[in-house]
Amino acid sequence: MKALNAFFRFIAFWFWAVLQVPTALILLPFGRRAGVWQFGFFAKGCLKIAGIRVKVHGCLSKNRPLLLVGNHISIFEFMTIPATFGGTFFGKDDIAKIPFVGLMARFWGVIFVSRRREDALRVVKQISDELKRATWPMAIYPEGTTTNGSVILPFKSSMFSFIENGVKATIQPMVMFYRDRCGNPIPDQVLADDFAYFANEKMPAGAALCRKERGPFMQMFHVFELGGFTVELHLLPPPPLADMNRKEIAETLHKIINDEFIKLKDKRYENSYNTNKG
């Protein structure tokens, strides 16, 4: 029954995606702002189809340009941010190569950046140019990959090279935290099994490892089988980063986000214990 329900959700998702094409053609003359708006509209529909609920804690900074920096658990972050804040994100260029998906994402304002070392200068320029003109929030995931939901990997300092390029932007840390659809805690191993689709060797020793790897579309189908989940977005105050170099910024943001993530994990288990005890 779950597989059948997931199948219908999967079909509905792609039907919803194809429906965006004529709208995109109509909005094309209105530029990127119209594309970003459509992305948010499309993302809200996707979350509805997937059964994903979003809860926001904290306030989004009103400063612009604004760069949201957060941890990266699964492919669904790409829908969560646009649907919730009306912005878009910087993503790895592998997504751009996916037929249809890459084309639509470009129109929706997604900026694809290369992780190859030889492209570092071009990436800095891409991020700098976009932040200078964007009047909507932009999100970036400096871990450089999805995780298993139980740990936060070190941040890549190259993601913040634009600071050394003279770009003035407010950087706001954001913690992504997953619960089940009813808001109940999810054990680390279940998080890894249900949301990870990467190679296990990327995880540090002692981290929960996924027992079955999936590609992005199989991962999507699996979440449809689960019936969805709850995403908590914890927005933290922008820290003072003036006069820091990119490495110091990466380390500072990682510490802020990781410390809050650990607090949420501790609270998750504490609440679960108290609930069971009661």
C-alpha atoms as a PDB file:
ATOM      1  CA  MET A   1       0.000   0.000   0.000  1.00  0.00           C
ATOM      2  CA  LYS A   2       2.846   2.385   0.878  1.00  0.00           C
ATOM      3  CA  ALA A   3       4.538   1.662  -2.451  1.00  0.00           C
ATOM      4  CA  LEU A   4       1.305   2.353  -4.346  1.00  0.00           C
ATOM      5  CA  ASN A   5       0.791   5.621  -2.479  1.00  0.00           C
ATOM      6  CA  ALA A   6       4.407   6.583  -3.212  1.00  0.00           C
ATOM      7  CA  PHE A   7       3.916   5.778  -6.889  1.00  0.00           C
ATOM      8  CA  PHE A   8       0.939   8.157  -7.154  1.00  0.00           C
ATOM      9  CA  ARG A   9       2.861  10.858  -5.291  1.00  0.00           C
ATOM     10  CA  PHE A  10       5.817  10.378  -7.618  1.00  0.00           C
ATOM     11  CA  ILE A  11       3.570  10.745 -10.691  1.00  0.00           C
ATOM     12  CA  ALA A  12       1.893  13.800  -9.136  1.00  0.00           C
ATOM     13  CA  PHE A  13       5.296  15.381  -8.509  1.00  0.00           C
ATOM     14  CA  TRP A  14       6.381  15.063 -12.130  1.00  0.00           C
ATOM     15  CA  PHE A  15       2.979  16.194 -13.391  1.00  0.00           C
ATOM     16  CA  TRP A  16       3.304  19.274 -11.169  1.00  0.00           C
ATOM     17  CA  ALA A  17       6.833  19.859 -12.497  1.00  0.00           C
ATOM     18  CA  VAL A  18       5.774  19.641 -16.158  1.00  0.00           C
ATOM     19  CA  LEU A  19       2.932  22.088 -15.483  1.00  0.00           C
ATOM     20  CA  GLN A  20       5.560  24.712 -14.604  1.00  0.00           C
ATOM     21  CA  VAL A  21       6.889  24.821 -18.167  1.00  0.00           C
ATOM     22  CA  PRO A  22       4.109  26.928 -19.779  1.00  0.00           C
ATOM     23  CA  THR A  23       4.134  29.258 -16.774  1.00  0.00           C
ATOM     24  CA  ALA A  24       7.895  29.628 -17.067  1.00  0.00           C
ATOM     25  CA  LEU A  25       7.555  30.548 -20.748  1.00  0.00           C
ATOM     26  CA  ILE A  26       5.019  33.228 -19.844  1.00  0.00           C
ATOM     27  CA  LEU A  27       7.223  34.609 -17.069  1.00  0.00           C
ATOM     28  CA  LEU A  28      10.467  34.436 -19.061  1.00  0.00           C
ATOM     29  CA  PRO A  29      10.344  38.091 -20.277  1.00  0.00           C
ATOM     30  CA  PHE A  30      10.004  39.308 -16.668  1.00  0.00           C
ATOM     31  CA  GLY A  31      13.466  38.105 -15.688  1.00  0.00           C
ATOM     32  CA  ARG A  32      14.965  36.346 -12.715  1.00  0.00           C
ATOM     33  CA  ARG A  33      12.674  37.860 -10.087  1.00  0.00           C
ATOM     34  CA  ALA A  34       9.709  36.172 -11.769  1.00  0.00           C
ATOM     35  CA  GLY A  35      11.649  32.907 -11.931  1.00  0.00           C
ATOM     36  CA  VAL A  36      12.451  33.030  -8.213  1.00  0.00           C
ATOM     37  CA  TRP A  37       8.778  33.679  -7.458  1.00  0.00           C
ATOM     38  CA  GLN A  38       7.738  30.678  -9.529  1.00  0.00           C
ATOM     39  CA  PHE A  39      10.325  28.523  -7.779  1.00  0.00           C
ATOM     40  CA  GLY A  40       8.719  29.305  -4.412  1.00  0.00           C
ATOM     41  CA  PHE A  41       5.269  28.517  -5.808  1.00  0.00           C
ATOM     42  CA  PHE A  42       6.477  25.249  -7.304  1.00  0.00           C
ATOM     43  CA  ALA A  43       8.355  24.273  -4.115  1.00  0.00           C
ATOM     44  CA  LYS A  44       5.263  24.763  -1.943  1.00  0.00           C
ATOM     45  CA  GLY A  45       3.372  22.344  -4.175  1.00  0.00           C
ATOM     46  CA  CYS A  46       6.227  19.832  -3.978  1.00  0.00           C
ATOM     47  CA  LEU A  47       6.280  19.901  -0.178  1.00  0.00           C
ATOM     48  CA  LYS A  48       2.522  19.381  -0.158  1.00  0.00           C
ATOM     49  CA  ILE A  49       2.807  16.372  -2.460  1.00  0.00           C
ATOM     50  CA  ALA A  50       5.652  14.883  -0.403  1.00  0.00           C
ATOM     51  CA  GLY A  51       3.872  15.448   2.903  1.00  0.00           C
ATOM     52  CA  ILE A  52       6.680  17.635   4.254  1.00  0.00           C
ATOM     53  CA  ARG A  53       5.869  20.098   7.001  1.00  0.00           C
ATOM     54  CA  VAL A  54       8.085  23.093   7.800  1.00  0.00           C
ATOM     55  CA  LYS A  55       8.394  24.825  11.158  1.00  0.00           C
ATOM     56  CA  VAL A  56      10.459  28.013  11.455  1.00  0.00           C
ATOM     57  CA  HIS A  57      12.107  29.112  14.699  1.00  0.00           C
ATOM     58  CA  GLY A  58      13.699  32.551  14.813  1.00  0.00           C
ATOM     59  CA  CYS A  59      13.472  35.485  12.431  1.00  0.00           C
ATOM     60  CA  LEU A  60      14.833  35.926   8.939  1.00  0.00           C
ATOM     61  CA  SER A  61      17.139  38.933   8.671  1.00  0.00           C
ATOM     62  CA  LYS A  62      15.692  41.819   6.677  1.00  0.00           C
ATOM     63  CA  ASN A  63      19.140  42.841   5.426  1.00  0.00           C
ATOM     64  CA  ARG A  64      20.007  42.338   1.761  1.00  0.00           C
ATOM     65  CA  PRO A  65      22.024  40.819   0.271  1.00  0.00           C
ATOM     66  CA  LEU A  66      21.403  37.901   2.618  1.00  0.00           C
ATOM     67  CA  LEU A  67      23.194  34.572   2.592  1.00  0.00           C
ATOM     68  CA  LEU A  68      21.668  31.736   4.623  1.00  0.00           C
ATOM     69  CA  VAL A  69      24.292  29.201   5.669  1.00  0.00           C
ATOM     70  CA  GLY A  70      23.062  25.827   6.844  1.00  0.00           C
ATOM     71  CA  ASN A  71      23.692  22.122   7.188  1.00  0.00           C
ATOM     72  CA  HIS A  72      22.617  19.834   4.367  1.00  0.00           C
ATOM     73  CA  ILE A  73      20.757  16.603   5.147  1.00  0.00           C
ATOM     74  CA  SER A  74      18.863  15.653   1.980  1.00  0.00           C
ATOM     75  CA  ILE A  75      17.736  16.778  -1.465  1.00  0.00           C
ATOM     76  CA  PHE A  76      14.564  18.267   0.030  1.00  0.00           C
ATOM     77  CA  GLU A  77      16.451  21.335   1.292  1.00  0.00           C
ATOM     78  CA  PHE A  78      16.273  22.503  -2.315  1.00  0.00           C
ATOM     79  CA  MET A  79      12.501  22.847  -1.924  1.00  0.00           C
ATOM     80  CA  THR A  80      12.316  23.846   1.740  1.00  0.00           C
ATOM     81  CA  ILE A  81      14.166  27.162   1.463  1.00  0.00           C
ATOM     82  CA  PRO A  82      12.363  28.549  -1.641  1.00  0.00           C
ATOM     83  CA  ALA A  83       8.961  27.475  -0.295  1.00  0.00           C
ATOM     84  CA  THR A  84       9.546  29.051   3.105  1.00  0.00           C
ATOM     85  CA  PHE A  85      11.515  32.211   2.379  1.00  0.00           C
ATOM     86  CA  GLY A  86      10.907  32.840  -1.308  1.00  0.00           C
ATOM     87  CA  GLY A  87      14.602  32.676  -2.137  1.00  0.00           C
ATOM     88  CA  THR A  88      16.870  30.272  -3.944  1.00  0.00           C
ATOM     89  CA  PHE A  89      20.264  28.656  -3.456  1.00  0.00           C
ATOM     90  CA  PHE A  90      23.765  27.903  -4.687  1.00  0.00           C
ATOM     91  CA  GLY A  91      24.015  24.267  -5.780  1.00  0.00           C
ATOM     92  CA  LYS A  92      26.665  21.973  -7.187  1.00  0.00           C
ATOM     93  CA  ASP A  93      26.892  21.918 -10.964  1.00  0.00           C
ATOM     94  CA  ASP A  94      26.006  18.209 -11.163  1.00  0.00           C
ATOM     95  CA  ILE A  95      22.338  19.215 -10.844  1.00  0.00           C
ATOM     96  CA  ALA A  96      22.614  21.426 -13.927  1.00  0.00           C
ATOM     97  CA  LYS A  97      23.394  18.373 -16.039  1.00  0.00           C
ATOM     98  CA  ILE A  98      20.096  16.626 -15.233  1.00  0.00           C
ATOM     99  CA  PRO A  99      17.758  17.015 -18.239  1.00  0.00           C
ATOM    100  CA  PHE A 100      14.786  19.337 -17.625  1.00  0.00           C
ATOM    101  CA  VAL A 101      15.689  19.774 -13.938  1.00  0.00           C
ATOM    102  CA  GLY A 102      18.818  21.784 -14.703  1.00  0.00           C
ATOM    103  CA  LEU A 103      17.067  23.967 -17.281  1.00  0.00           C
ATOM    104  CA  MET A 104      14.158  24.854 -15.002  1.00  0.00           C
ATOM    105  CA  ALA A 105      16.444  25.405 -12.018  1.00  0.00           C
ATOM    106  CA  ARG A 106      18.467  27.986 -13.943  1.00  0.00           C
ATOM    107  CA  PHE A 107      15.312  29.934 -14.761  1.00  0.00           C
ATOM    108  CA  TRP A 108      14.310  29.748 -11.104  1.00  0.00           C
ATOM    109  CA  GLY A 109      17.479  31.540 -10.073  1.00  0.00           C
ATOM    110  CA  VAL A 110      19.555  28.594  -8.874  1.00  0.00           C
ATOM    111  CA  ILE A 111      23.281  29.318  -9.247  1.00  0.00           C
ATOM    112  CA  PHE A 112      25.327  26.244 -10.059  1.00  0.00           C
ATOM    113  CA  VAL A 113      28.910  26.248  -8.839  1.00  0.00           C
ATOM    114  CA  SER A 114      31.731  23.847  -9.562  1.00  0.00           C
ATOM    115  CA  ARG A 115      33.589  22.118  -6.732  1.00  0.00           C
ATOM    116  CA  ARG A 116      36.678  21.573  -8.872  1.00  0.00           C
ATOM    117  CA  ARG A 117      39.763  23.341  -7.556  1.00  0.00           C
ATOM    118  CA  GLU A 118      40.661  24.754 -10.967  1.00  0.00           C
ATOM    119  CA  ASP A 119      37.288  26.555 -11.086  1.00  0.00           C
ATOM    120  CA  ALA A 120      37.753  28.300  -7.718  1.00  0.00           C
ATOM    121  CA  LEU A 121      38.157  31.824  -9.115  1.00  0.00           C
ATOM    122  CA  ARG A 122      35.113  31.451 -11.355  1.00  0.00           C
ATOM    123  CA  VAL A 123      33.041  30.198  -8.420  1.00  0.00           C
ATOM    124  CA  VAL A 124      34.031  33.212  -6.306  1.00  0.00           C
ATOM    125  CA  LYS A 125      32.915  35.518  -9.110  1.00  0.00           C
ATOM    126  CA  GLN A 126      29.619  33.645  -9.516  1.00  0.00           C
ATOM    127  CA  ILE A 127      28.765  33.944  -5.836  1.00  0.00           C
ATOM    128  CA  SER A 128      29.941  37.564  -5.652  1.00  0.00           C
ATOM    129  CA  ASP A 129      27.942  38.682  -8.701  1.00  0.00           C
ATOM    130  CA  GLU A 130      24.767  36.976  -7.528  1.00  0.00           C
ATOM    131  CA  LEU A 131      24.910  38.362  -4.000  1.00  0.00           C
ATOM    132  CA  LYS A 132      25.396  41.878  -5.354  1.00  0.00           C
ATOM    133  CA  ARG A 133      22.131  41.759  -7.319  1.00  0.00           C
ATOM    134  CA  ALA A 134      19.874  39.365  -5.405  1.00  0.00           C
ATOM    135  CA  THR A 135      17.058  41.020  -3.449  1.00  0.00           C
ATOM    136  CA  TRP A 136      15.920  37.646  -2.126  1.00  0.00           C
ATOM    137  CA  PRO A 137      17.629  35.266   0.341  1.00  0.00           C
ATOM    138  CA  MET A 138      20.262  32.933  -1.092  1.00  0.00           C
ATOM    139  CA  ALA A 139      21.144  29.689   0.686  1.00  0.00           C
ATOM    140  CA  ILE A 140      24.439  27.839   0.616  1.00  0.00           C
ATOM    141  CA  TYR A 141      25.455  24.505   2.129  1.00  0.00           C
ATOM    142  CA  PRO A 142      29.203  24.681   2.840  1.00  0.00           C
ATOM    143  CA  GLU A 143      29.539  21.019   3.820  1.00  0.00           C
ATOM    144  CA  GLY A 144      29.579  20.465   0.057  1.00  0.00           C
ATOM    145  CA  THR A 145      27.386  17.351   0.232  1.00  0.00           C
ATOM    146  CA  THR A 146      24.387  15.876   1.993  1.00  0.00           C
ATOM    147  CA  THR A 147      24.978  14.039   5.274  1.00  0.00           C
ATOM    148  CA  ASN A 148      23.111  11.430   7.289  1.00  0.00           C
ATOM    149  CA  GLY A 149      21.295  13.906   9.503  1.00  0.00           C
ATOM    150  CA  SER A 150      23.276  12.975  12.615  1.00  0.00           C
ATOM    151  CA  VAL A 151      26.484  14.981  12.082  1.00  0.00           C
ATOM    152  CA  ILE A 152      27.616  18.230  10.465  1.00  0.00           C
ATOM    153  CA  LEU A 153      30.742  17.960   8.346  1.00  0.00           C
ATOM    154  CA  PRO A 154      33.460  20.696   8.362  1.00  0.00           C
ATOM    155  CA  PHE A 155      32.616  23.703   6.192  1.00  0.00           C
ATOM    156  CA  LYS A 156      34.612  24.375   3.035  1.00  0.00           C
ATOM    157  CA  SER A 157      36.262  27.769   3.440  1.00  0.00           C
ATOM    158  CA  SER A 158      36.305  28.288  -0.350  1.00  0.00           C
ATOM    159  CA  MET A 159      32.542  28.876  -0.127  1.00  0.00           C
ATOM    160  CA  PHE A 160      33.288  32.178   1.636  1.00  0.00           C
ATOM    161  CA  SER A 161      35.957  33.506  -0.685  1.00  0.00           C
ATOM    162  CA  PHE A 162      33.530  36.177  -1.878  1.00  0.00           C
ATOM    163  CA  ILE A 163      34.153  38.023   1.412  1.00  0.00           C
ATOM    164  CA  GLU A 164      37.739  38.573   0.324  1.00  0.00           C
ATOM    165  CA  ASN A 165      36.358  39.819  -2.994  1.00  0.00           C
ATOM    166  CA  GLY A 166      34.842  42.861  -1.306  1.00  0.00           C
ATOM    167  CA  VAL A 167      31.212  41.705  -1.263  1.00  0.00           C
ATOM    168  CA  LYS A 168      29.190  43.116   1.627  1.00  0.00           C
ATOM    169  CA  ALA A 169      26.515  40.608   2.627  1.00  0.00           C
ATOM    170  CA  THR A 170      24.726  39.626   5.814  1.00  0.00           C
ATOM    171  CA  ILE A 171      25.442  35.999   6.660  1.00  0.00           C
ATOM    172  CA  GLN A 172      22.809  34.275   8.768  1.00  0.00           C
ATOM    173  CA  PRO A 173      23.402  30.776  10.186  1.00  0.00           C
ATOM    174  CA  MET A 174      20.543  28.301   9.928  1.00  0.00           C
ATOM    175  CA  VAL A 175      20.181  24.840  11.475  1.00  0.00           C
ATOM    176  CA  MET A 176      18.194  22.220   9.574  1.00  0.00           C
ATOM    177  CA  PHE A 177      16.672  19.592  11.847  1.00  0.00           C
ATOM    178  CA  TYR A 178      14.448  16.667  10.844  1.00  0.00           C
ATOM    179  CA  ARG A 179      11.640  15.013  12.798  1.00  0.00           C
ATOM    180  CA  ASP A 180       8.955  12.573  11.695  1.00  0.00           C
ATOM    181  CA  ARG A 181       5.668  13.848  10.294  1.00  0.00           C
ATOM    182  CA  CYS A 182       4.145  14.166  13.771  1.00  0.00           C
ATOM    183  CA  GLY A 183       7.172  16.007  15.159  1.00  0.00           C
ATOM    184  CA  ASN A 184       8.556  13.040  17.073  1.00  0.00           C
ATOM    185  CA  PRO A 185      12.330  12.440  17.398  1.00  0.00           C
ATOM    186  CA  ILE A 186      14.109  10.337  14.757  1.00  0.00           C
ATOM    187  CA  PRO A 187      17.034   8.149  15.902  1.00  0.00           C
ATOM    188  CA  ASP A 188      20.358   8.703  14.118  1.00  0.00           C
ATOM    189  CA  GLN A 189      20.351   5.311  12.414  1.00  0.00           C
ATOM    190  CA  VAL A 190      16.835   5.851  11.068  1.00  0.00           C
ATOM    191  CA  LEU A 191      17.890   9.280   9.781  1.00  0.00           C
ATOM    192  CA  ALA A 192      20.833   7.693   7.990  1.00  0.00           C
ATOM    193  CA  ASP A 193      18.734   4.874   6.516  1.00  0.00           C
ATOM    194  CA  ASP A 194      15.834   7.064   5.416  1.00  0.00           C
ATOM    195  CA  PHE A 195      17.519  10.244   4.161  1.00  0.00           C
ATOM    196  CA  ALA A 196      21.133   9.488   3.194  1.00  0.00           C
ATOM    197  CA  TYR A 197      22.103   8.377  -0.299  1.00  0.00           C
ATOM    198  CA  PHE A 198      25.850   9.076  -0.297  1.00  0.00           C
ATOM    199  CA  ALA A 199      28.942   6.919   0.034  1.00  0.00           C
ATOM    200  CA  ASN A 200      29.442   5.915   3.661  1.00  0.00           C
ATOM    201  CA  GLU A 201      33.166   6.622   3.579  1.00  0.00           C
ATOM    202  CA  LYS A 202      32.409  10.358   3.609  1.00  0.00           C
ATOM    203  CA  MET A 203      31.180  10.110   7.186  1.00  0.00           C
ATOM    204  CA  PRO A 204      33.494  10.440  10.202  1.00  0.00           C
ATOM    205  CA  ALA A 205      34.194   7.433  12.399  1.00  0.00           C
ATOM    206  CA  GLY A 206      31.371   6.666  14.796  1.00  0.00           C
ATOM    207  CA  ALA A 207      28.647   8.327  12.687  1.00  0.00           C
ATOM    208  CA  ALA A 208      25.522   6.422  11.742  1.00  0.00           C
ATOM    209  CA  LEU A 209      25.915   4.917   8.267  1.00  0.00           C
ATOM    210  CA  CYS A 210      23.183   4.312   5.749  1.00  0.00           C
ATOM    211  CA  ARG A 211      22.643   0.630   5.065  1.00  0.00           C
ATOM    212  CA  LYS A 212      21.153   1.193   1.621  1.00  0.00           C
ATOM    213  CA  GLU A 213      22.350   3.911  -0.769  1.00  0.00           C
ATOM    214  CA  ARG A 214      19.932   5.507  -3.236  1.00  0.00           C
ATOM    215  CA  GLY A 215      20.095   7.952  -6.105  1.00  0.00           C
ATOM    216  CA  PRO A 216      18.182  11.256  -5.801  1.00  0.00           C
ATOM    217  CA  PHE A 217      15.024  10.027  -7.536  1.00  0.00           C
ATOM    218  CA  MET A 218      14.932   6.796  -5.543  1.00  0.00           C
ATOM    219  CA  GLN A 219      15.463   8.879  -2.421  1.00  0.00           C
ATOM    220  CA  MET A 220      12.472  10.998  -3.376  1.00  0.00           C
ATOM    221  CA  PHE A 221      10.360   7.880  -3.931  1.00  0.00           C
ATOM    222  CA  HIS A 222      11.447   6.518  -0.539  1.00  0.00           C
ATOM    223  CA  VAL A 223      10.335   9.706   1.256  1.00  0.00           C
ATOM    224  CA  PHE A 224       6.991   9.415  -0.516  1.00  0.00           C
ATOM    225  CA  GLU A 225       6.757   5.901   0.959  1.00  0.00           C
ATOM    226  CA  LEU A 226       7.447   7.291   4.430  1.00  0.00           C
ATOM    227  CA  GLY A 227       4.552   9.706   4.035  1.00  0.00           C
ATOM    228  CA  GLY A 228       6.714  12.776   4.587  1.00  0.00           C
ATOM    229  CA  PHE A 229       8.466  14.310   7.593  1.00  0.00           C
ATOM    230  CA  THR A 230       8.871  17.581   9.494  1.00  0.00           C
ATOM    231  CA  VAL A 231      11.669  20.062   8.826  1.00  0.00           C
ATOM    232  CA  GLU A 232      12.600  22.483  11.566  1.00  0.00           C
ATOM    233  CA  LEU A 233      14.455  25.596  10.425  1.00  0.00           C
ATOM    234  CA  HIS A 234      16.236  27.300  13.287  1.00  0.00           C
ATOM    235  CA  LEU A 235      17.333  30.783  12.221  1.00  0.00           C
ATOM    236  CA  LEU A 236      20.137  32.155  14.389  1.00  0.00           C
ATOM    237  CA  PRO A 237      21.227  35.815  14.678  1.00  0.00           C
ATOM    238  CA  PRO A 238      23.870  36.906  12.131  1.00  0.00           C
ATOM    239  CA  PRO A 239      27.226  36.821  13.959  1.00  0.00           C
ATOM    240  CA  PRO A 240      29.881  39.558  13.733  1.00  0.00           C
ATOM    241  CA  LEU A 241      32.253  38.372  11.024  1.00  0.00           C
ATOM    242  CA  ALA A 242      33.967  41.620  10.126  1.00  0.00           C
ATOM    243  CA  ASP A 243      37.735  41.441   9.614  1.00  0.00           C
ATOM    244  CA  MET A 244      37.693  37.622   9.491  1.00  0.00           C
ATOM    245  CA  ASN A 245      39.211  35.747   6.575  1.00  0.00           C
ATOM    246  CA  ARG A 246      37.317  32.961   4.799  1.00  0.00           C
ATOM    247  CA  LYS A 247      38.805  30.190   6.960  1.00  0.00           C
ATOM    248  CA  GLU A 248      37.881  31.967  10.183  1.00  0.00           C
ATOM    249  CA  ILE A 249      34.381  32.613   8.853  1.00  0.00           C
ATOM    250  CA  ALA A 250      33.909  28.951   7.896  1.00  0.00           C
ATOM    251  CA  GLU A 251      35.130  27.767  11.305  1.00  0.00           C
ATOM    252  CA  THR A 252      33.015  30.316  13.196  1.00  0.00           C
ATOM    253  CA  LEU A 253      29.832  29.472  11.310  1.00  0.00           C
ATOM    254  CA  HIS A 254      30.465  25.757  11.642  1.00  0.00           C
ATOM    255  CA  LYS A 255      30.872  26.083  15.415  1.00  0.00           C
ATOM    256  CA  ILE A 256      27.678  28.148  15.762  1.00  0.00           C
ATOM    257  CA  ILE A 257      25.594  25.769  13.656  1.00  0.00           C
ATOM    258  CA  ASN A 258      27.124  22.595  15.060  1.00  0.00           C
ATOM    259  CA  ASP A 259      26.695  23.746  18.682  1.00  0.00           C
ATOM    260  CA  GLU A 260      23.010  24.520  18.083  1.00  0.00           C
ATOM    261  CA  PHE A 261      22.561  21.229  16.235  1.00  0.00           C
ATOM    262  CA  ILE A 262      23.995  19.298  19.183  1.00  0.00           C
ATOM    263  CA  LYS A 263      21.695  21.173  21.584  1.00  0.00           C
ATOM    264  CA  LEU A 264      18.702  20.209  19.447  1.00  0.00           C
ATOM    265  CA  LYS A 265      19.837  16.585  19.373  1.00  0.00           C
ATOM    266  CA  ASP A 266      20.275  16.542  23.161  1.00  0.00           C
ATOM    267  CA  LYS A 267      16.884  18.171  23.637  1.00  0.00           C
ATOM    268  CA  ARG A 268      15.363  15.695  21.179  1.00  0.00           C
ATOM    269  CA  TYR A 269      16.461  12.730  23.275  1.00  0.00           C
ATOM    270  CA  GLU A 270      15.636  14.502  26.542  1.00  0.00           C
ATOM    271  CA  ASN A 271      12.078  15.229  25.380  1.00  0.00           C
ATOM    272  CA  SER A 272      11.711  11.682  24.133  1.00  0.00           C
ATOM    273  CA  TYR A 273      12.852  10.325  27.536  1.00  0.00           C
ATOM    274  CA  ASN A 274      10.507  12.596  29.461  1.00  0.00           C
ATOM    275  CA  THR A 275       7.583  11.683  27.209  1.00  0.00           C
ATOM    276  CA  ASN A 276       8.195   7.958  27.660  1.00  0.00           C
ATOM    277  CA  LYS A 277       8.677   8.419  31.406  1.00  0.00           C
ATOM    278  CA  GLY A 278       5.407  10.300  31.697  1.00  0.00           C
END
